[in-house]
Amino acid sequence: MDTECLFCRIVAGEIPTTVVHETDTTIAFRDIDPKAAVHVLVIPKTHYPDIVALAADPAAAADVLAASAAVAEAEGLTADGFRVLFNTGPYAGQEVFHVHAHVLGGEPLGPMLAIR
């Protein structure tokens, strides 16, 4: 655990959050600043700074993906569609450097990127 990492502190139970799904290796909770009607973050309980580091552990990567799908199903997003998004690095807007998937849906999401 990285004691400076916000998400590690959530995993440790030091910071309260609204958990919507949990496994032995992952935890999913509602984003405090949602960008869609449904906006859930899915993280591995082990600290990986970004998706590149997570990809080096295929089992952990699979767990995050499976948890993301379980969240989408539990939140009722599978019929109309949803988005799973990873931001990696400052250019992509990653704010917390503990890899996390954003599960977004519950309304039309629009284009992936704004036109420049």
PDB file of N, CA and C in Angstrom:
ATOM      1  N   MET A   1       0.840  -1.185   0.000  1.00  0.00           N
ATOM      2  CA  MET A   1       0.000   0.000   0.000  1.00  0.00           C
ATOM      3  C   MET A   1       0.883   1.245   0.000  1.00  0.00           C
ATOM      4  N   ASP A   2       0.512   2.196  -0.820  1.00  0.00           N
ATOM      5  CA  ASP A   2       1.160   3.498  -0.858  1.00  0.00           C
ATOM      6  C   ASP A   2       0.370   4.405   0.087  1.00  0.00           C
ATOM      7  N   THR A   3       0.969   4.786   1.213  1.00  0.00           N
ATOM      8  CA  THR A   3       0.238   5.548   2.230  1.00  0.00           C
ATOM      9  C   THR A   3      -0.157   6.943   1.765  1.00  0.00           C
ATOM     10  N   GLU A   4       0.434   7.425   0.675  1.00  0.00           N
ATOM     11  CA  GLU A   4       0.086   8.725   0.114  1.00  0.00           C
ATOM     12  C   GLU A   4      -1.017   8.621  -0.945  1.00  0.00           C
ATOM     13  N   CYS A   5      -1.336   7.409  -1.363  1.00  0.00           N
ATOM     14  CA  CYS A   5      -2.286   7.189  -2.455  1.00  0.00           C
ATOM     15  C   CYS A   5      -3.726   7.200  -1.934  1.00  0.00           C
ATOM     16  N   LEU A   6      -4.546   8.073  -2.506  1.00  0.00           N
ATOM     17  CA  LEU A   6      -5.951   8.182  -2.123  1.00  0.00           C
ATOM     18  C   LEU A   6      -6.672   6.843  -2.247  1.00  0.00           C
ATOM     19  N   PHE A   7      -6.472   6.151  -3.362  1.00  0.00           N
ATOM     20  CA  PHE A   7      -7.200   4.904  -3.577  1.00  0.00           C
ATOM     21  C   PHE A   7      -6.690   3.785  -2.673  1.00  0.00           C
ATOM     22  N   CYS A   8      -5.396   3.760  -2.369  1.00  0.00           N
ATOM     23  CA  CYS A   8      -4.888   2.781  -1.400  1.00  0.00           C
ATOM     24  C   CYS A   8      -5.524   3.018  -0.029  1.00  0.00           C
ATOM     25  N   ARG A   9      -5.733   4.286   0.306  1.00  0.00           N
ATOM     26  CA  ARG A   9      -6.367   4.617   1.579  1.00  0.00           C
ATOM     27  C   ARG A   9      -7.839   4.199   1.579  1.00  0.00           C
ATOM     28  N   ILE A  10      -8.498   4.263   0.430  1.00  0.00           N
ATOM     29  CA  ILE A  10      -9.877   3.767   0.325  1.00  0.00           C
ATOM     30  C   ILE A  10      -9.885   2.253   0.516  1.00  0.00           C
ATOM     31  N   VAL A  11      -8.964   1.548  -0.142  1.00  0.00           N
ATOM     32  CA  VAL A  11      -8.871   0.091   0.011  1.00  0.00           C
ATOM     33  C   VAL A  11      -8.644  -0.272   1.480  1.00  0.00           C
ATOM     34  N   ALA A  12      -7.816   0.506   2.173  1.00  0.00           N
ATOM     35  CA  ALA A  12      -7.509   0.236   3.584  1.00  0.00           C
ATOM     36  C   ALA A  12      -8.654   0.609   4.524  1.00  0.00           C
ATOM     37  N   GLY A  13      -9.698   1.241   4.000  1.00  0.00           N
ATOM     38  CA  GLY A  13     -10.833   1.632   4.825  1.00  0.00           C
ATOM     39  C   GLY A  13     -10.617   2.935   5.574  1.00  0.00           C
ATOM     40  N   GLU A  14      -9.573   3.676   5.239  1.00  0.00           N
ATOM     41  CA  GLU A  14      -9.281   4.936   5.914  1.00  0.00           C
ATOM     42  C   GLU A  14     -10.154   6.085   5.414  1.00  0.00           C
ATOM     43  N   ILE A  15     -10.654   5.963   4.194  1.00  0.00           N
ATOM     44  CA  ILE A  15     -11.492   7.001   3.600  1.00  0.00           C
ATOM     45  C   ILE A  15     -12.812   6.350   3.201  1.00  0.00           C
ATOM     46  N   PRO A  16     -13.934   6.872   3.696  1.00  0.00           N
ATOM     47  CA  PRO A  16     -15.227   6.267   3.352  1.00  0.00           C
ATOM     48  C   PRO A  16     -15.601   6.520   1.898  1.00  0.00           C
ATOM     49  N   THR A  17     -16.317   5.581   1.341  1.00  0.00           N
ATOM     50  CA  THR A  17     -16.801   5.690  -0.032  1.00  0.00           C
ATOM     51  C   THR A  17     -18.035   4.820  -0.180  1.00  0.00           C
ATOM     52  N   THR A  18     -18.751   4.988  -1.276  1.00  0.00           N
ATOM     53  CA  THR A  18     -19.929   4.171  -1.546  1.00  0.00           C
ATOM     54  C   THR A  18     -19.529   3.008  -2.433  1.00  0.00           C
ATOM     55  N   VAL A  19     -19.283   1.870  -1.824  1.00  0.00           N
ATOM     56  CA  VAL A  19     -18.866   0.672  -2.540  1.00  0.00           C
ATOM     57  C   VAL A  19     -20.078   0.048  -3.214  1.00  0.00           C
ATOM     58  N   VAL A  20     -19.930  -0.276  -4.514  1.00  0.00           N
ATOM     59  CA  VAL A  20     -21.022  -0.914  -5.245  1.00  0.00           C
ATOM     60  C   VAL A  20     -20.683  -2.346  -5.643  1.00  0.00           C
ATOM     61  N   HIS A  21     -19.405  -2.708  -5.572  1.00  0.00           N
ATOM     62  CA  HIS A  21     -18.980  -4.067  -5.931  1.00  0.00           C
ATOM     63  C   HIS A  21     -17.609  -4.299  -5.317  1.00  0.00           C
ATOM     64  N   GLU A  22     -17.392  -5.503  -4.805  1.00  0.00           N
ATOM     65  CA  GLU A  22     -16.083  -5.823  -4.241  1.00  0.00           C
ATOM     66  C   GLU A  22     -15.785  -7.301  -4.424  1.00  0.00           C
ATOM     67  N   THR A  23     -14.541  -7.589  -4.758  1.00  0.00           N
ATOM     68  CA  THR A  23     -14.043  -8.961  -4.832  1.00  0.00           C
ATOM     69  C   THR A  23     -12.795  -9.035  -3.951  1.00  0.00           C
ATOM     70  N   ASP A  24     -12.156 -10.179  -3.942  1.00  0.00           N
ATOM     71  CA  ASP A  24     -10.913 -10.309  -3.173  1.00  0.00           C
ATOM     72  C   ASP A  24      -9.819  -9.387  -3.701  1.00  0.00           C
ATOM     73  N   THR A  25      -9.874  -9.052  -4.994  1.00  0.00           N
ATOM     74  CA  THR A  25      -8.781  -8.301  -5.620  1.00  0.00           C
ATOM     75  C   THR A  25      -9.170  -6.917  -6.124  1.00  0.00           C
ATOM     76  N   THR A  26     -10.466  -6.592  -6.140  1.00  0.00           N
ATOM     77  CA  THR A  26     -10.919  -5.305  -6.673  1.00  0.00           C
ATOM     78  C   THR A  26     -11.961  -4.674  -5.760  1.00  0.00           C
ATOM     79  N   ILE A  27     -12.129  -3.375  -5.942  1.00  0.00           N
ATOM     80  CA  ILE A  27     -13.208  -2.660  -5.276  1.00  0.00           C
ATOM     81  C   ILE A  27     -13.737  -1.614  -6.260  1.00  0.00           C
ATOM     82  N   ALA A  28     -15.047  -1.448  -6.275  1.00  0.00           N
ATOM     83  CA  ALA A  28     -15.693  -0.480  -7.166  1.00  0.00           C
ATOM     84  C   ALA A  28     -16.555   0.442  -6.314  1.00  0.00           C
ATOM     85  N   PHE A  29     -16.439   1.738  -6.610  1.00  0.00           N
ATOM     86  CA  PHE A  29     -17.160   2.724  -5.816  1.00  0.00           C
ATOM     87  C   PHE A  29     -17.583   3.901  -6.687  1.00  0.00           C
ATOM     88  N   ARG A  30     -18.597   4.620  -6.232  1.00  0.00           N
ATOM     89  CA  ARG A  30     -19.132   5.750  -6.981  1.00  0.00           C
ATOM     90  C   ARG A  30     -18.120   6.904  -6.998  1.00  0.00           C
ATOM     91  N   ASP A  31     -17.973   7.537  -8.166  1.00  0.00           N
ATOM     92  CA  ASP A  31     -17.103   8.694  -8.301  1.00  0.00           C
ATOM     93  C   ASP A  31     -17.727   9.865  -7.554  1.00  0.00           C
ATOM     94  N   ILE A  32     -16.917  10.640  -6.843  1.00  0.00           N
ATOM     95  CA  ILE A  32     -17.458  11.773  -6.079  1.00  0.00           C
ATOM     96  C   ILE A  32     -17.780  12.976  -6.962  1.00  0.00           C
ATOM     97  N   ASP A  33     -17.311  12.959  -8.211  1.00  0.00           N
ATOM     98  CA  ASP A  33     -17.598  14.033  -9.165  1.00  0.00           C
ATOM     99  C   ASP A  33     -18.049  13.392 -10.472  1.00  0.00           C
ATOM    100  N   PRO A  34     -19.257  12.800 -10.488  1.00  0.00           N
ATOM    101  CA  PRO A  34     -19.676  11.985 -11.637  1.00  0.00           C
ATOM    102  C   PRO A  34     -19.789  12.782 -12.931  1.00  0.00           C
ATOM    103  N   LYS A  35     -19.376  12.145 -14.015  1.00  0.00           N
ATOM    104  CA  LYS A  35     -19.441  12.733 -15.356  1.00  0.00           C
ATOM    105  C   LYS A  35     -20.560  12.127 -16.191  1.00  0.00           C
ATOM    106  N   ALA A  36     -21.337  11.234 -15.603  1.00  0.00           N
ATOM    107  CA  ALA A  36     -22.482  10.597 -16.264  1.00  0.00           C
ATOM    108  C   ALA A  36     -23.471  10.189 -15.176  1.00  0.00           C
ATOM    109  N   ALA A  37     -24.661   9.786 -15.594  1.00  0.00           N
ATOM    110  CA  ALA A  37     -25.681   9.359 -14.635  1.00  0.00           C
ATOM    111  C   ALA A  37     -25.152   8.241 -13.739  1.00  0.00           C
ATOM    112  N   VAL A  38     -24.398   7.327 -14.329  1.00  0.00           N
ATOM    113  CA  VAL A  38     -23.695   6.288 -13.576  1.00  0.00           C
ATOM    114  C   VAL A  38     -22.213   6.497 -13.834  1.00  0.00           C
ATOM    115  N   HIS A  39     -21.447   6.643 -12.765  1.00  0.00           N
ATOM    116  CA  HIS A  39     -19.995   6.817 -12.876  1.00  0.00           C
ATOM    117  C   HIS A  39     -19.368   6.111 -11.683  1.00  0.00           C
ATOM    118  N   VAL A  40     -18.834   4.920 -11.967  1.00  0.00           N
ATOM    119  CA  VAL A  40     -18.243   4.084 -10.939  1.00  0.00           C
ATOM    120  C   VAL A  40     -16.776   3.867 -11.280  1.00  0.00           C
ATOM    121  N   LEU A  41     -15.917   3.941 -10.274  1.00  0.00           N
ATOM    122  CA  LEU A  41     -14.496   3.651 -10.446  1.00  0.00           C
ATOM    123  C   LEU A  41     -14.227   2.228  -9.987  1.00  0.00           C
ATOM    124  N   VAL A  42     -13.464   1.499 -10.774  1.00  0.00           N
ATOM    125  CA  VAL A  42     -13.079   0.126 -10.446  1.00  0.00           C
ATOM    126  C   VAL A  42     -11.564   0.109 -10.317  1.00  0.00           C
ATOM    127  N   ILE A  43     -11.076  -0.335  -9.165  1.00  0.00           N
ATOM    128  CA  ILE A  43      -9.631  -0.351  -8.929  1.00  0.00           C
ATOM    129  C   ILE A  43      -9.183  -1.717  -8.431  1.00  0.00           C
ATOM    130  N   PRO A  44      -7.927  -2.074  -8.733  1.00  0.00           N
ATOM    131  CA  PRO A  44      -7.368  -3.244  -8.074  1.00  0.00           C
ATOM    132  C   PRO A  44      -7.000  -2.856  -6.644  1.00  0.00           C
ATOM    133  N   LYS A  45      -7.087  -3.781  -5.729  1.00  0.00           N
ATOM    134  CA  LYS A  45      -6.711  -3.487  -4.343  1.00  0.00           C
ATOM    135  C   LYS A  45      -5.197  -3.324  -4.200  1.00  0.00           C
ATOM    136  N   THR A  46      -4.452  -3.947  -5.075  1.00  0.00           N
ATOM    137  CA  THR A  46      -3.003  -3.769  -5.102  1.00  0.00           C
ATOM    138  C   THR A  46      -2.691  -2.505  -5.888  1.00  0.00           C
ATOM    139  N   HIS A  47      -1.705  -1.759  -5.441  1.00  0.00           N
ATOM    140  CA  HIS A  47      -1.352  -0.510  -6.103  1.00  0.00           C
ATOM    141  C   HIS A  47      -0.563  -0.763  -7.389  1.00  0.00           C
ATOM    142  N   TYR A  48      -1.118  -0.279  -8.497  1.00  0.00           N
ATOM    143  CA  TYR A  48      -0.440  -0.190  -9.793  1.00  0.00           C
ATOM    144  C   TYR A  48      -0.629   1.266 -10.212  1.00  0.00           C
ATOM    145  N   PRO A  49       0.407   1.981 -10.595  1.00  0.00           N
ATOM    146  CA  PRO A  49       0.245   3.399 -10.888  1.00  0.00           C
ATOM    147  C   PRO A  49      -0.572   3.698 -12.144  1.00  0.00           C
ATOM    148  N   ASP A  50      -0.564   2.789 -13.112  1.00  0.00           N
ATOM    149  CA  ASP A  50      -1.270   3.054 -14.367  1.00  0.00           C
ATOM    150  C   ASP A  50      -1.548   1.747 -15.092  1.00  0.00           C
ATOM    151  N   ILE A  51      -2.206   1.843 -16.236  1.00  0.00           N
ATOM    152  CA  ILE A  51      -2.600   0.646 -16.972  1.00  0.00           C
ATOM    153  C   ILE A  51      -1.404  -0.122 -17.529  1.00  0.00           C
ATOM    154  N   VAL A  52      -0.305   0.578 -17.803  1.00  0.00           N
ATOM    155  CA  VAL A  52       0.905  -0.099 -18.277  1.00  0.00           C
ATOM    156  C   VAL A  52       1.422  -1.049 -17.191  1.00  0.00           C
ATOM    157  N   ALA A  53       1.470  -0.587 -15.961  1.00  0.00           N
ATOM    158  CA  ALA A  53       1.903  -1.433 -14.847  1.00  0.00           C
ATOM    159  C   ALA A  53       0.904  -2.562 -14.602  1.00  0.00           C
ATOM    160  N   LEU A  54      -0.391  -2.262 -14.703  1.00  0.00           N
ATOM    161  CA  LEU A  54      -1.414  -3.291 -14.510  1.00  0.00           C
ATOM    162  C   LEU A  54      -1.298  -4.372 -15.567  1.00  0.00           C
ATOM    163  N   ALA A  55      -1.012  -4.001 -16.800  1.00  0.00           N
ATOM    164  CA  ALA A  55      -0.915  -4.977 -17.890  1.00  0.00           C
ATOM    165  C   ALA A  55       0.209  -5.970 -17.672  1.00  0.00           C
ATOM    166  N   ALA A  56       1.181  -5.623 -16.857  1.00  0.00           N
ATOM    167  CA  ALA A  56       2.272  -6.554 -16.541  1.00  0.00           C
ATOM    168  C   ALA A  56       1.803  -7.687 -15.629  1.00  0.00           C
ATOM    169  N   ASP A  57       0.601  -7.556 -15.076  1.00  0.00           N
ATOM    170  CA  ASP A  57      -0.004  -8.597 -14.235  1.00  0.00           C
ATOM    171  C   ASP A  57      -1.337  -8.981 -14.876  1.00  0.00           C
ATOM    172  N   PRO A  58      -1.302  -9.901 -15.856  1.00  0.00           N
ATOM    173  CA  PRO A  58      -2.529 -10.230 -16.601  1.00  0.00           C
ATOM    174  C   PRO A  58      -3.692 -10.677 -15.726  1.00  0.00           C
ATOM    175  N   ALA A  59      -3.425 -11.374 -14.644  1.00  0.00           N
ATOM    176  CA  ALA A  59      -4.522 -11.816 -13.771  1.00  0.00           C
ATOM    177  C   ALA A  59      -5.204 -10.619 -13.115  1.00  0.00           C
ATOM    178  N   ALA A  60      -4.428  -9.657 -12.654  1.00  0.00           N
ATOM    179  CA  ALA A  60      -5.006  -8.459 -12.037  1.00  0.00           C
ATOM    180  C   ALA A  60      -5.777  -7.646 -13.074  1.00  0.00           C
ATOM    181  N   ALA A  61      -5.232  -7.539 -14.278  1.00  0.00           N
ATOM    182  CA  ALA A  61      -5.919  -6.812 -15.352  1.00  0.00           C
ATOM    183  C   ALA A  61      -7.257  -7.479 -15.661  1.00  0.00           C
ATOM    184  N   ALA A  62      -7.263  -8.795 -15.722  1.00  0.00           N
ATOM    185  CA  ALA A  62      -8.509  -9.529 -15.982  1.00  0.00           C
ATOM    186  C   ALA A  62      -9.512  -9.305 -14.862  1.00  0.00           C
ATOM    187  N   ASP A  63      -9.045  -9.241 -13.628  1.00  0.00           N
ATOM    188  CA  ASP A  63      -9.942  -9.006 -12.492  1.00  0.00           C
ATOM    189  C   ASP A  63     -10.606  -7.629 -12.594  1.00  0.00           C
ATOM    190  N   VAL A  64      -9.841  -6.605 -12.981  1.00  0.00           N
ATOM    191  CA  VAL A  64     -10.401  -5.263 -13.124  1.00  0.00           C
ATOM    192  C   VAL A  64     -11.433  -5.247 -14.249  1.00  0.00           C
ATOM    193  N   LEU A  65     -11.121  -5.896 -15.353  1.00  0.00           N
ATOM    194  CA  LEU A  65     -12.066  -5.950 -16.467  1.00  0.00           C
ATOM    195  C   LEU A  65     -13.341  -6.703 -16.075  1.00  0.00           C
ATOM    196  N   ALA A  66     -13.198  -7.837 -15.399  1.00  0.00           N
ATOM    197  CA  ALA A  66     -14.371  -8.604 -14.965  1.00  0.00           C
ATOM    198  C   ALA A  66     -15.207  -7.808 -13.972  1.00  0.00           C
ATOM    199  N   ALA A  67     -14.563  -7.097 -13.065  1.00  0.00           N
ATOM    200  CA  ALA A  67     -15.295  -6.283 -12.098  1.00  0.00           C
ATOM    201  C   ALA A  67     -16.019  -5.134 -12.804  1.00  0.00           C
ATOM    202  N   SER A  68     -15.394  -4.554 -13.823  1.00  0.00           N
ATOM    203  CA  SER A  68     -16.042  -3.489 -14.592  1.00  0.00           C
ATOM    204  C   SER A  68     -17.307  -4.005 -15.267  1.00  0.00           C
ATOM    205  N   ALA A  69     -17.240  -5.193 -15.845  1.00  0.00           N
ATOM    206  CA  ALA A  69     -18.416  -5.797 -16.481  1.00  0.00           C
ATOM    207  C   ALA A  69     -19.500  -6.105 -15.452  1.00  0.00           C
ATOM    208  N   ALA A  70     -19.098  -6.594 -14.277  1.00  0.00           N
ATOM    209  CA  ALA A  70     -20.071  -6.893 -13.220  1.00  0.00           C
ATOM    210  C   ALA A  70     -20.771  -5.621 -12.746  1.00  0.00           C
ATOM    211  N   VAL A  71     -20.022  -4.540 -12.634  1.00  0.00           N
ATOM    212  CA  VAL A  71     -20.608  -3.255 -12.238  1.00  0.00           C
ATOM    213  C   VAL A  71     -21.613  -2.792 -13.294  1.00  0.00           C
ATOM    214  N   ALA A  72     -21.226  -2.859 -14.560  1.00  0.00           N
ATOM    215  CA  ALA A  72     -22.132  -2.446 -15.636  1.00  0.00           C
ATOM    216  C   ALA A  72     -23.423  -3.247 -15.592  1.00  0.00           C
ATOM    217  N   GLU A  73     -23.310  -4.533 -15.371  1.00  0.00           N
ATOM    218  CA  GLU A  73     -24.504  -5.376 -15.296  1.00  0.00           C
ATOM    219  C   GLU A  73     -25.354  -5.005 -14.077  1.00  0.00           C
ATOM    220  N   ALA A  74     -24.722  -4.871 -12.919  1.00  0.00           N
ATOM    221  CA  ALA A  74     -25.454  -4.553 -11.686  1.00  0.00           C
ATOM    222  C   ALA A  74     -26.119  -3.183 -11.750  1.00  0.00           C
ATOM    223  N   GLU A  75     -25.515  -2.258 -12.479  1.00  0.00           N
ATOM    224  CA  GLU A  75     -26.058  -0.900 -12.601  1.00  0.00           C
ATOM    225  C   GLU A  75     -27.086  -0.792 -13.725  1.00  0.00           C
ATOM    226  N   GLY A  76     -27.360  -1.897 -14.424  1.00  0.00           N
ATOM    227  CA  GLY A  76     -28.373  -1.903 -15.479  1.00  0.00           C
ATOM    228  C   GLY A  76     -27.933  -1.228 -16.764  1.00  0.00           C
ATOM    229  N   LEU A  77     -26.640  -1.261 -17.052  1.00  0.00           N
ATOM    230  CA  LEU A  77     -26.115  -0.545 -18.214  1.00  0.00           C
ATOM    231  C   LEU A  77     -25.966  -1.395 -19.472  1.00  0.00           C
ATOM    232  N   THR A  78     -26.103  -2.693 -19.361  1.00  0.00           N
ATOM    233  CA  THR A  78     -25.753  -3.553 -20.494  1.00  0.00           C
ATOM    234  C   THR A  78     -26.735  -3.454 -21.664  1.00  0.00           C
ATOM    235  N   ALA A  79     -27.979  -3.146 -21.416  1.00  0.00           N
ATOM    236  CA  ALA A  79     -28.956  -3.098 -22.512  1.00  0.00           C
ATOM    237  C   ALA A  79     -28.711  -1.911 -23.441  1.00  0.00           C
ATOM    238  N   ASP A  80     -28.439  -0.750 -22.882  1.00  0.00           N
ATOM    239  CA  ASP A  80     -28.282   0.455 -23.694  1.00  0.00           C
ATOM    240  C   ASP A  80     -26.839   0.805 -24.005  1.00  0.00           C
ATOM    241  N   GLY A  81     -25.913   0.201 -23.291  1.00  0.00           N
ATOM    242  CA  GLY A  81     -24.499   0.441 -23.539  1.00  0.00           C
ATOM    243  C   GLY A  81     -23.841   1.279 -22.464  1.00  0.00           C
ATOM    244  N   PHE A  82     -22.529   1.172 -22.424  1.00  0.00           N
ATOM    245  CA  PHE A  82     -21.740   1.873 -21.419  1.00  0.00           C
ATOM    246  C   PHE A  82     -20.322   2.019 -21.942  1.00  0.00           C
ATOM    247  N   ARG A  83     -19.542   2.775 -21.228  1.00  0.00           N
ATOM    248  CA  ARG A  83     -18.143   3.000 -21.596  1.00  0.00           C
ATOM    249  C   ARG A  83     -17.261   2.620 -20.413  1.00  0.00           C
ATOM    250  N   VAL A  84     -16.133   1.971 -20.712  1.00  0.00           N
ATOM    251  CA  VAL A  84     -15.093   1.716 -19.716  1.00  0.00           C
ATOM    252  C   VAL A  84     -13.866   2.478 -20.188  1.00  0.00           C
ATOM    253  N   LEU A  85     -13.364   3.356 -19.343  1.00  0.00           N
ATOM    254  CA  LEU A  85     -12.303   4.276 -19.738  1.00  0.00           C
ATOM    255  C   LEU A  85     -11.168   4.254 -18.723  1.00  0.00           C
ATOM    256  N   PHE A  86      -9.939   4.181 -19.227  1.00  0.00           N
ATOM    257  CA  PHE A  86      -8.744   4.328 -18.395  1.00  0.00           C
ATOM    258  C   PHE A  86      -8.016   5.585 -18.850  1.00  0.00           C
ATOM    259  N   ASN A  87      -7.704   6.485 -17.938  1.00  0.00           N
ATOM    260  CA  ASN A  87      -6.847   7.623 -18.233  1.00  0.00           C
ATOM    261  C   ASN A  87      -5.452   7.257 -17.731  1.00  0.00           C
ATOM    262  N   THR A  88      -4.459   7.391 -18.592  1.00  0.00           N
ATOM    263  CA  THR A  88      -3.104   7.032 -18.212  1.00  0.00           C
ATOM    264  C   THR A  88      -2.167   8.194 -18.489  1.00  0.00           C
ATOM    265  N   GLY A  89      -1.644   8.774 -17.427  1.00  0.00           N
ATOM    266  CA  GLY A  89      -0.699   9.868 -17.540  1.00  0.00           C
ATOM    267  C   GLY A  89      -1.357  11.224 -17.574  1.00  0.00           C
ATOM    268  N   PRO A  90      -0.548  12.271 -17.408  1.00  0.00           N
ATOM    269  CA  PRO A  90      -1.091  13.626 -17.317  1.00  0.00           C
ATOM    270  C   PRO A  90      -1.776  14.116 -18.592  1.00  0.00           C
ATOM    271  N   TYR A  91      -1.293  13.750 -19.770  1.00  0.00           N
ATOM    272  CA  TYR A  91      -1.944  14.188 -21.012  1.00  0.00           C
ATOM    273  C   TYR A  91      -3.356  13.619 -21.130  1.00  0.00           C
ATOM    274  N   ALA A  92      -3.582  12.453 -20.543  1.00  0.00           N
ATOM    275  CA  ALA A  92      -4.900  11.829 -20.604  1.00  0.00           C
ATOM    276  C   ALA A  92      -5.810  12.271 -19.462  1.00  0.00           C
ATOM    277  N   GLY A  93      -5.265  13.048 -18.532  1.00  0.00           N
ATOM    278  CA  GLY A  93      -6.079  13.539 -17.429  1.00  0.00           C
ATOM    279  C   GLY A  93      -6.098  12.646 -16.204  1.00  0.00           C
ATOM    280  N   GLN A  94      -5.138  11.723 -16.093  1.00  0.00           N
ATOM    281  CA  GLN A  94      -5.096  10.894 -14.894  1.00  0.00           C
ATOM    282  C   GLN A  94      -4.786  11.784 -13.696  1.00  0.00           C
ATOM    283  N   GLU A  95      -5.649  11.743 -12.686  1.00  0.00           N
ATOM    284  CA  GLU A  95      -5.491  12.581 -11.498  1.00  0.00           C
ATOM    285  C   GLU A  95      -4.991  11.800 -10.298  1.00  0.00           C
ATOM    286  N   VAL A  96      -5.403  10.547 -10.184  1.00  0.00           N
ATOM    287  CA  VAL A  96      -4.950   9.676  -9.098  1.00  0.00           C
ATOM    288  C   VAL A  96      -4.105   8.595  -9.738  1.00  0.00           C
ATOM    289  N   PHE A  97      -2.861   8.483  -9.313  1.00  0.00           N
ATOM    290  CA  PHE A  97      -1.936   7.553  -9.956  1.00  0.00           C
ATOM    291  C   PHE A  97      -1.964   6.183  -9.281  1.00  0.00           C
ATOM    292  N   HIS A  98      -3.174   5.638  -9.251  1.00  0.00           N
ATOM    293  CA  HIS A  98      -3.500   4.248  -8.899  1.00  0.00           C
ATOM    294  C   HIS A  98      -4.476   3.857 -10.001  1.00  0.00           C
ATOM    295  N   VAL A  99      -4.096   2.909 -10.829  1.00  0.00           N
ATOM    296  CA  VAL A  99      -4.904   2.601 -12.012  1.00  0.00           C
ATOM    297  C   VAL A  99      -6.375   2.418 -11.639  1.00  0.00           C
ATOM    298  N   HIS A 100      -7.246   2.973 -12.462  1.00  0.00           N
ATOM    299  CA  HIS A 100      -8.681   2.830 -12.220  1.00  0.00           C
ATOM    300  C   HIS A 100      -9.438   2.910 -13.540  1.00  0.00           C
ATOM    301  N   ALA A 101     -10.465   2.091 -13.612  1.00  0.00           N
ATOM    302  CA  ALA A 101     -11.369   2.102 -14.757  1.00  0.00           C
ATOM    303  C   ALA A 101     -12.588   2.925 -14.372  1.00  0.00           C
ATOM    304  N   HIS A 102     -13.006   3.795 -15.278  1.00  0.00           N
ATOM    305  CA  HIS A 102     -14.249   4.532 -15.112  1.00  0.00           C
ATOM    306  C   HIS A 102     -15.326   3.750 -15.858  1.00  0.00           C
ATOM    307  N   VAL A 103     -16.377   3.345 -15.183  1.00  0.00           N
ATOM    308  CA  VAL A 103     -17.539   2.727 -15.815  1.00  0.00           C
ATOM    309  C   VAL A 103     -18.599   3.818 -15.888  1.00  0.00           C
ATOM    310  N   LEU A 104     -18.948   4.202 -17.118  1.00  0.00           N
ATOM    311  CA  LEU A 104     -19.846   5.333 -17.355  1.00  0.00           C
ATOM    312  C   LEU A 104     -21.055   4.890 -18.164  1.00  0.00           C
ATOM    313  N   GLY A 105     -22.215   5.396 -17.815  1.00  0.00           N
ATOM    314  CA  GLY A 105     -23.414   5.067 -18.584  1.00  0.00           C
ATOM    315  C   GLY A 105     -24.657   5.636 -17.943  1.00  0.00           C
ATOM    316  N   GLY A 106     -25.786   5.072 -18.330  1.00  0.00           N
ATOM    317  CA  GLY A 106     -27.061   5.515 -17.808  1.00  0.00           C
ATOM    318  C   GLY A 106     -27.692   6.642 -18.594  1.00  0.00           C
ATOM    319  N   GLU A 107     -26.994   7.105 -19.644  1.00  0.00           N
ATOM    320  CA  GLU A 107     -27.474   8.169 -20.516  1.00  0.00           C
ATOM    321  C   GLU A 107     -26.583   8.178 -21.753  1.00  0.00           C
ATOM    322  N   PRO A 108     -27.005   8.816 -22.843  1.00  0.00           N
ATOM    323  CA  PRO A 108     -26.105   8.933 -23.996  1.00  0.00           C
ATOM    324  C   PRO A 108     -24.831   9.672 -23.586  1.00  0.00           C
ATOM    325  N   LEU A 109     -23.693   9.123 -23.970  1.00  0.00           N
ATOM    326  CA  LEU A 109     -22.413   9.676 -23.526  1.00  0.00           C
ATOM    327  C   LEU A 109     -21.768  10.635 -24.509  1.00  0.00           C
ATOM    328  N   GLY A 110     -22.239  10.657 -25.718  1.00  0.00           N
ATOM    329  CA  GLY A 110     -21.653  11.562 -26.709  1.00  0.00           C
ATOM    330  C   GLY A 110     -20.342  11.036 -27.248  1.00  0.00           C
ATOM    331  N   PRO A 111     -19.627  11.896 -27.958  1.00  0.00           N
ATOM    332  CA  PRO A 111     -18.379  11.446 -28.600  1.00  0.00           C
ATOM    333  C   PRO A 111     -17.307  11.135 -27.567  1.00  0.00           C
ATOM    334  N   MET A 112     -16.344  10.318 -27.981  1.00  0.00           N
ATOM    335  CA  MET A 112     -15.243   9.962 -27.102  1.00  0.00           C
ATOM    336  C   MET A 112     -14.392  11.176 -26.764  1.00  0.00           C
ATOM    337  N   LEU A 113     -14.120  12.015 -27.760  1.00  0.00           N
ATOM    338  CA  LEU A 113     -13.293  13.196 -27.566  1.00  0.00           C
ATOM    339  C   LEU A 113     -13.968  14.412 -28.188  1.00  0.00           C
ATOM    340  N   ALA A 114     -13.711  15.565 -27.636  1.00  0.00           N
ATOM    341  CA  ALA A 114     -14.224  16.793 -28.225  1.00  0.00           C
ATOM    342  C   ALA A 114     -13.424  17.092 -29.500  1.00  0.00           C
ATOM    343  N   ILE A 115     -14.080  17.672 -30.468  1.00  0.00           N
ATOM    344  CA  ILE A 115     -13.399  18.078 -31.705  1.00  0.00           C
ATOM    345  C   ILE A 115     -12.515  19.265 -31.379  1.00  0.00           C
ATOM    346  N   ARG A 116     -11.285  19.228 -31.877  1.00  0.00           N
ATOM    347  CA  ARG A 116     -10.341  20.306 -31.560  1.00  0.00           C
ATOM    348  C   ARG A 116     -10.610  21.538 -32.328  1.00  0.00           C
TER     349      ARG A 116
END
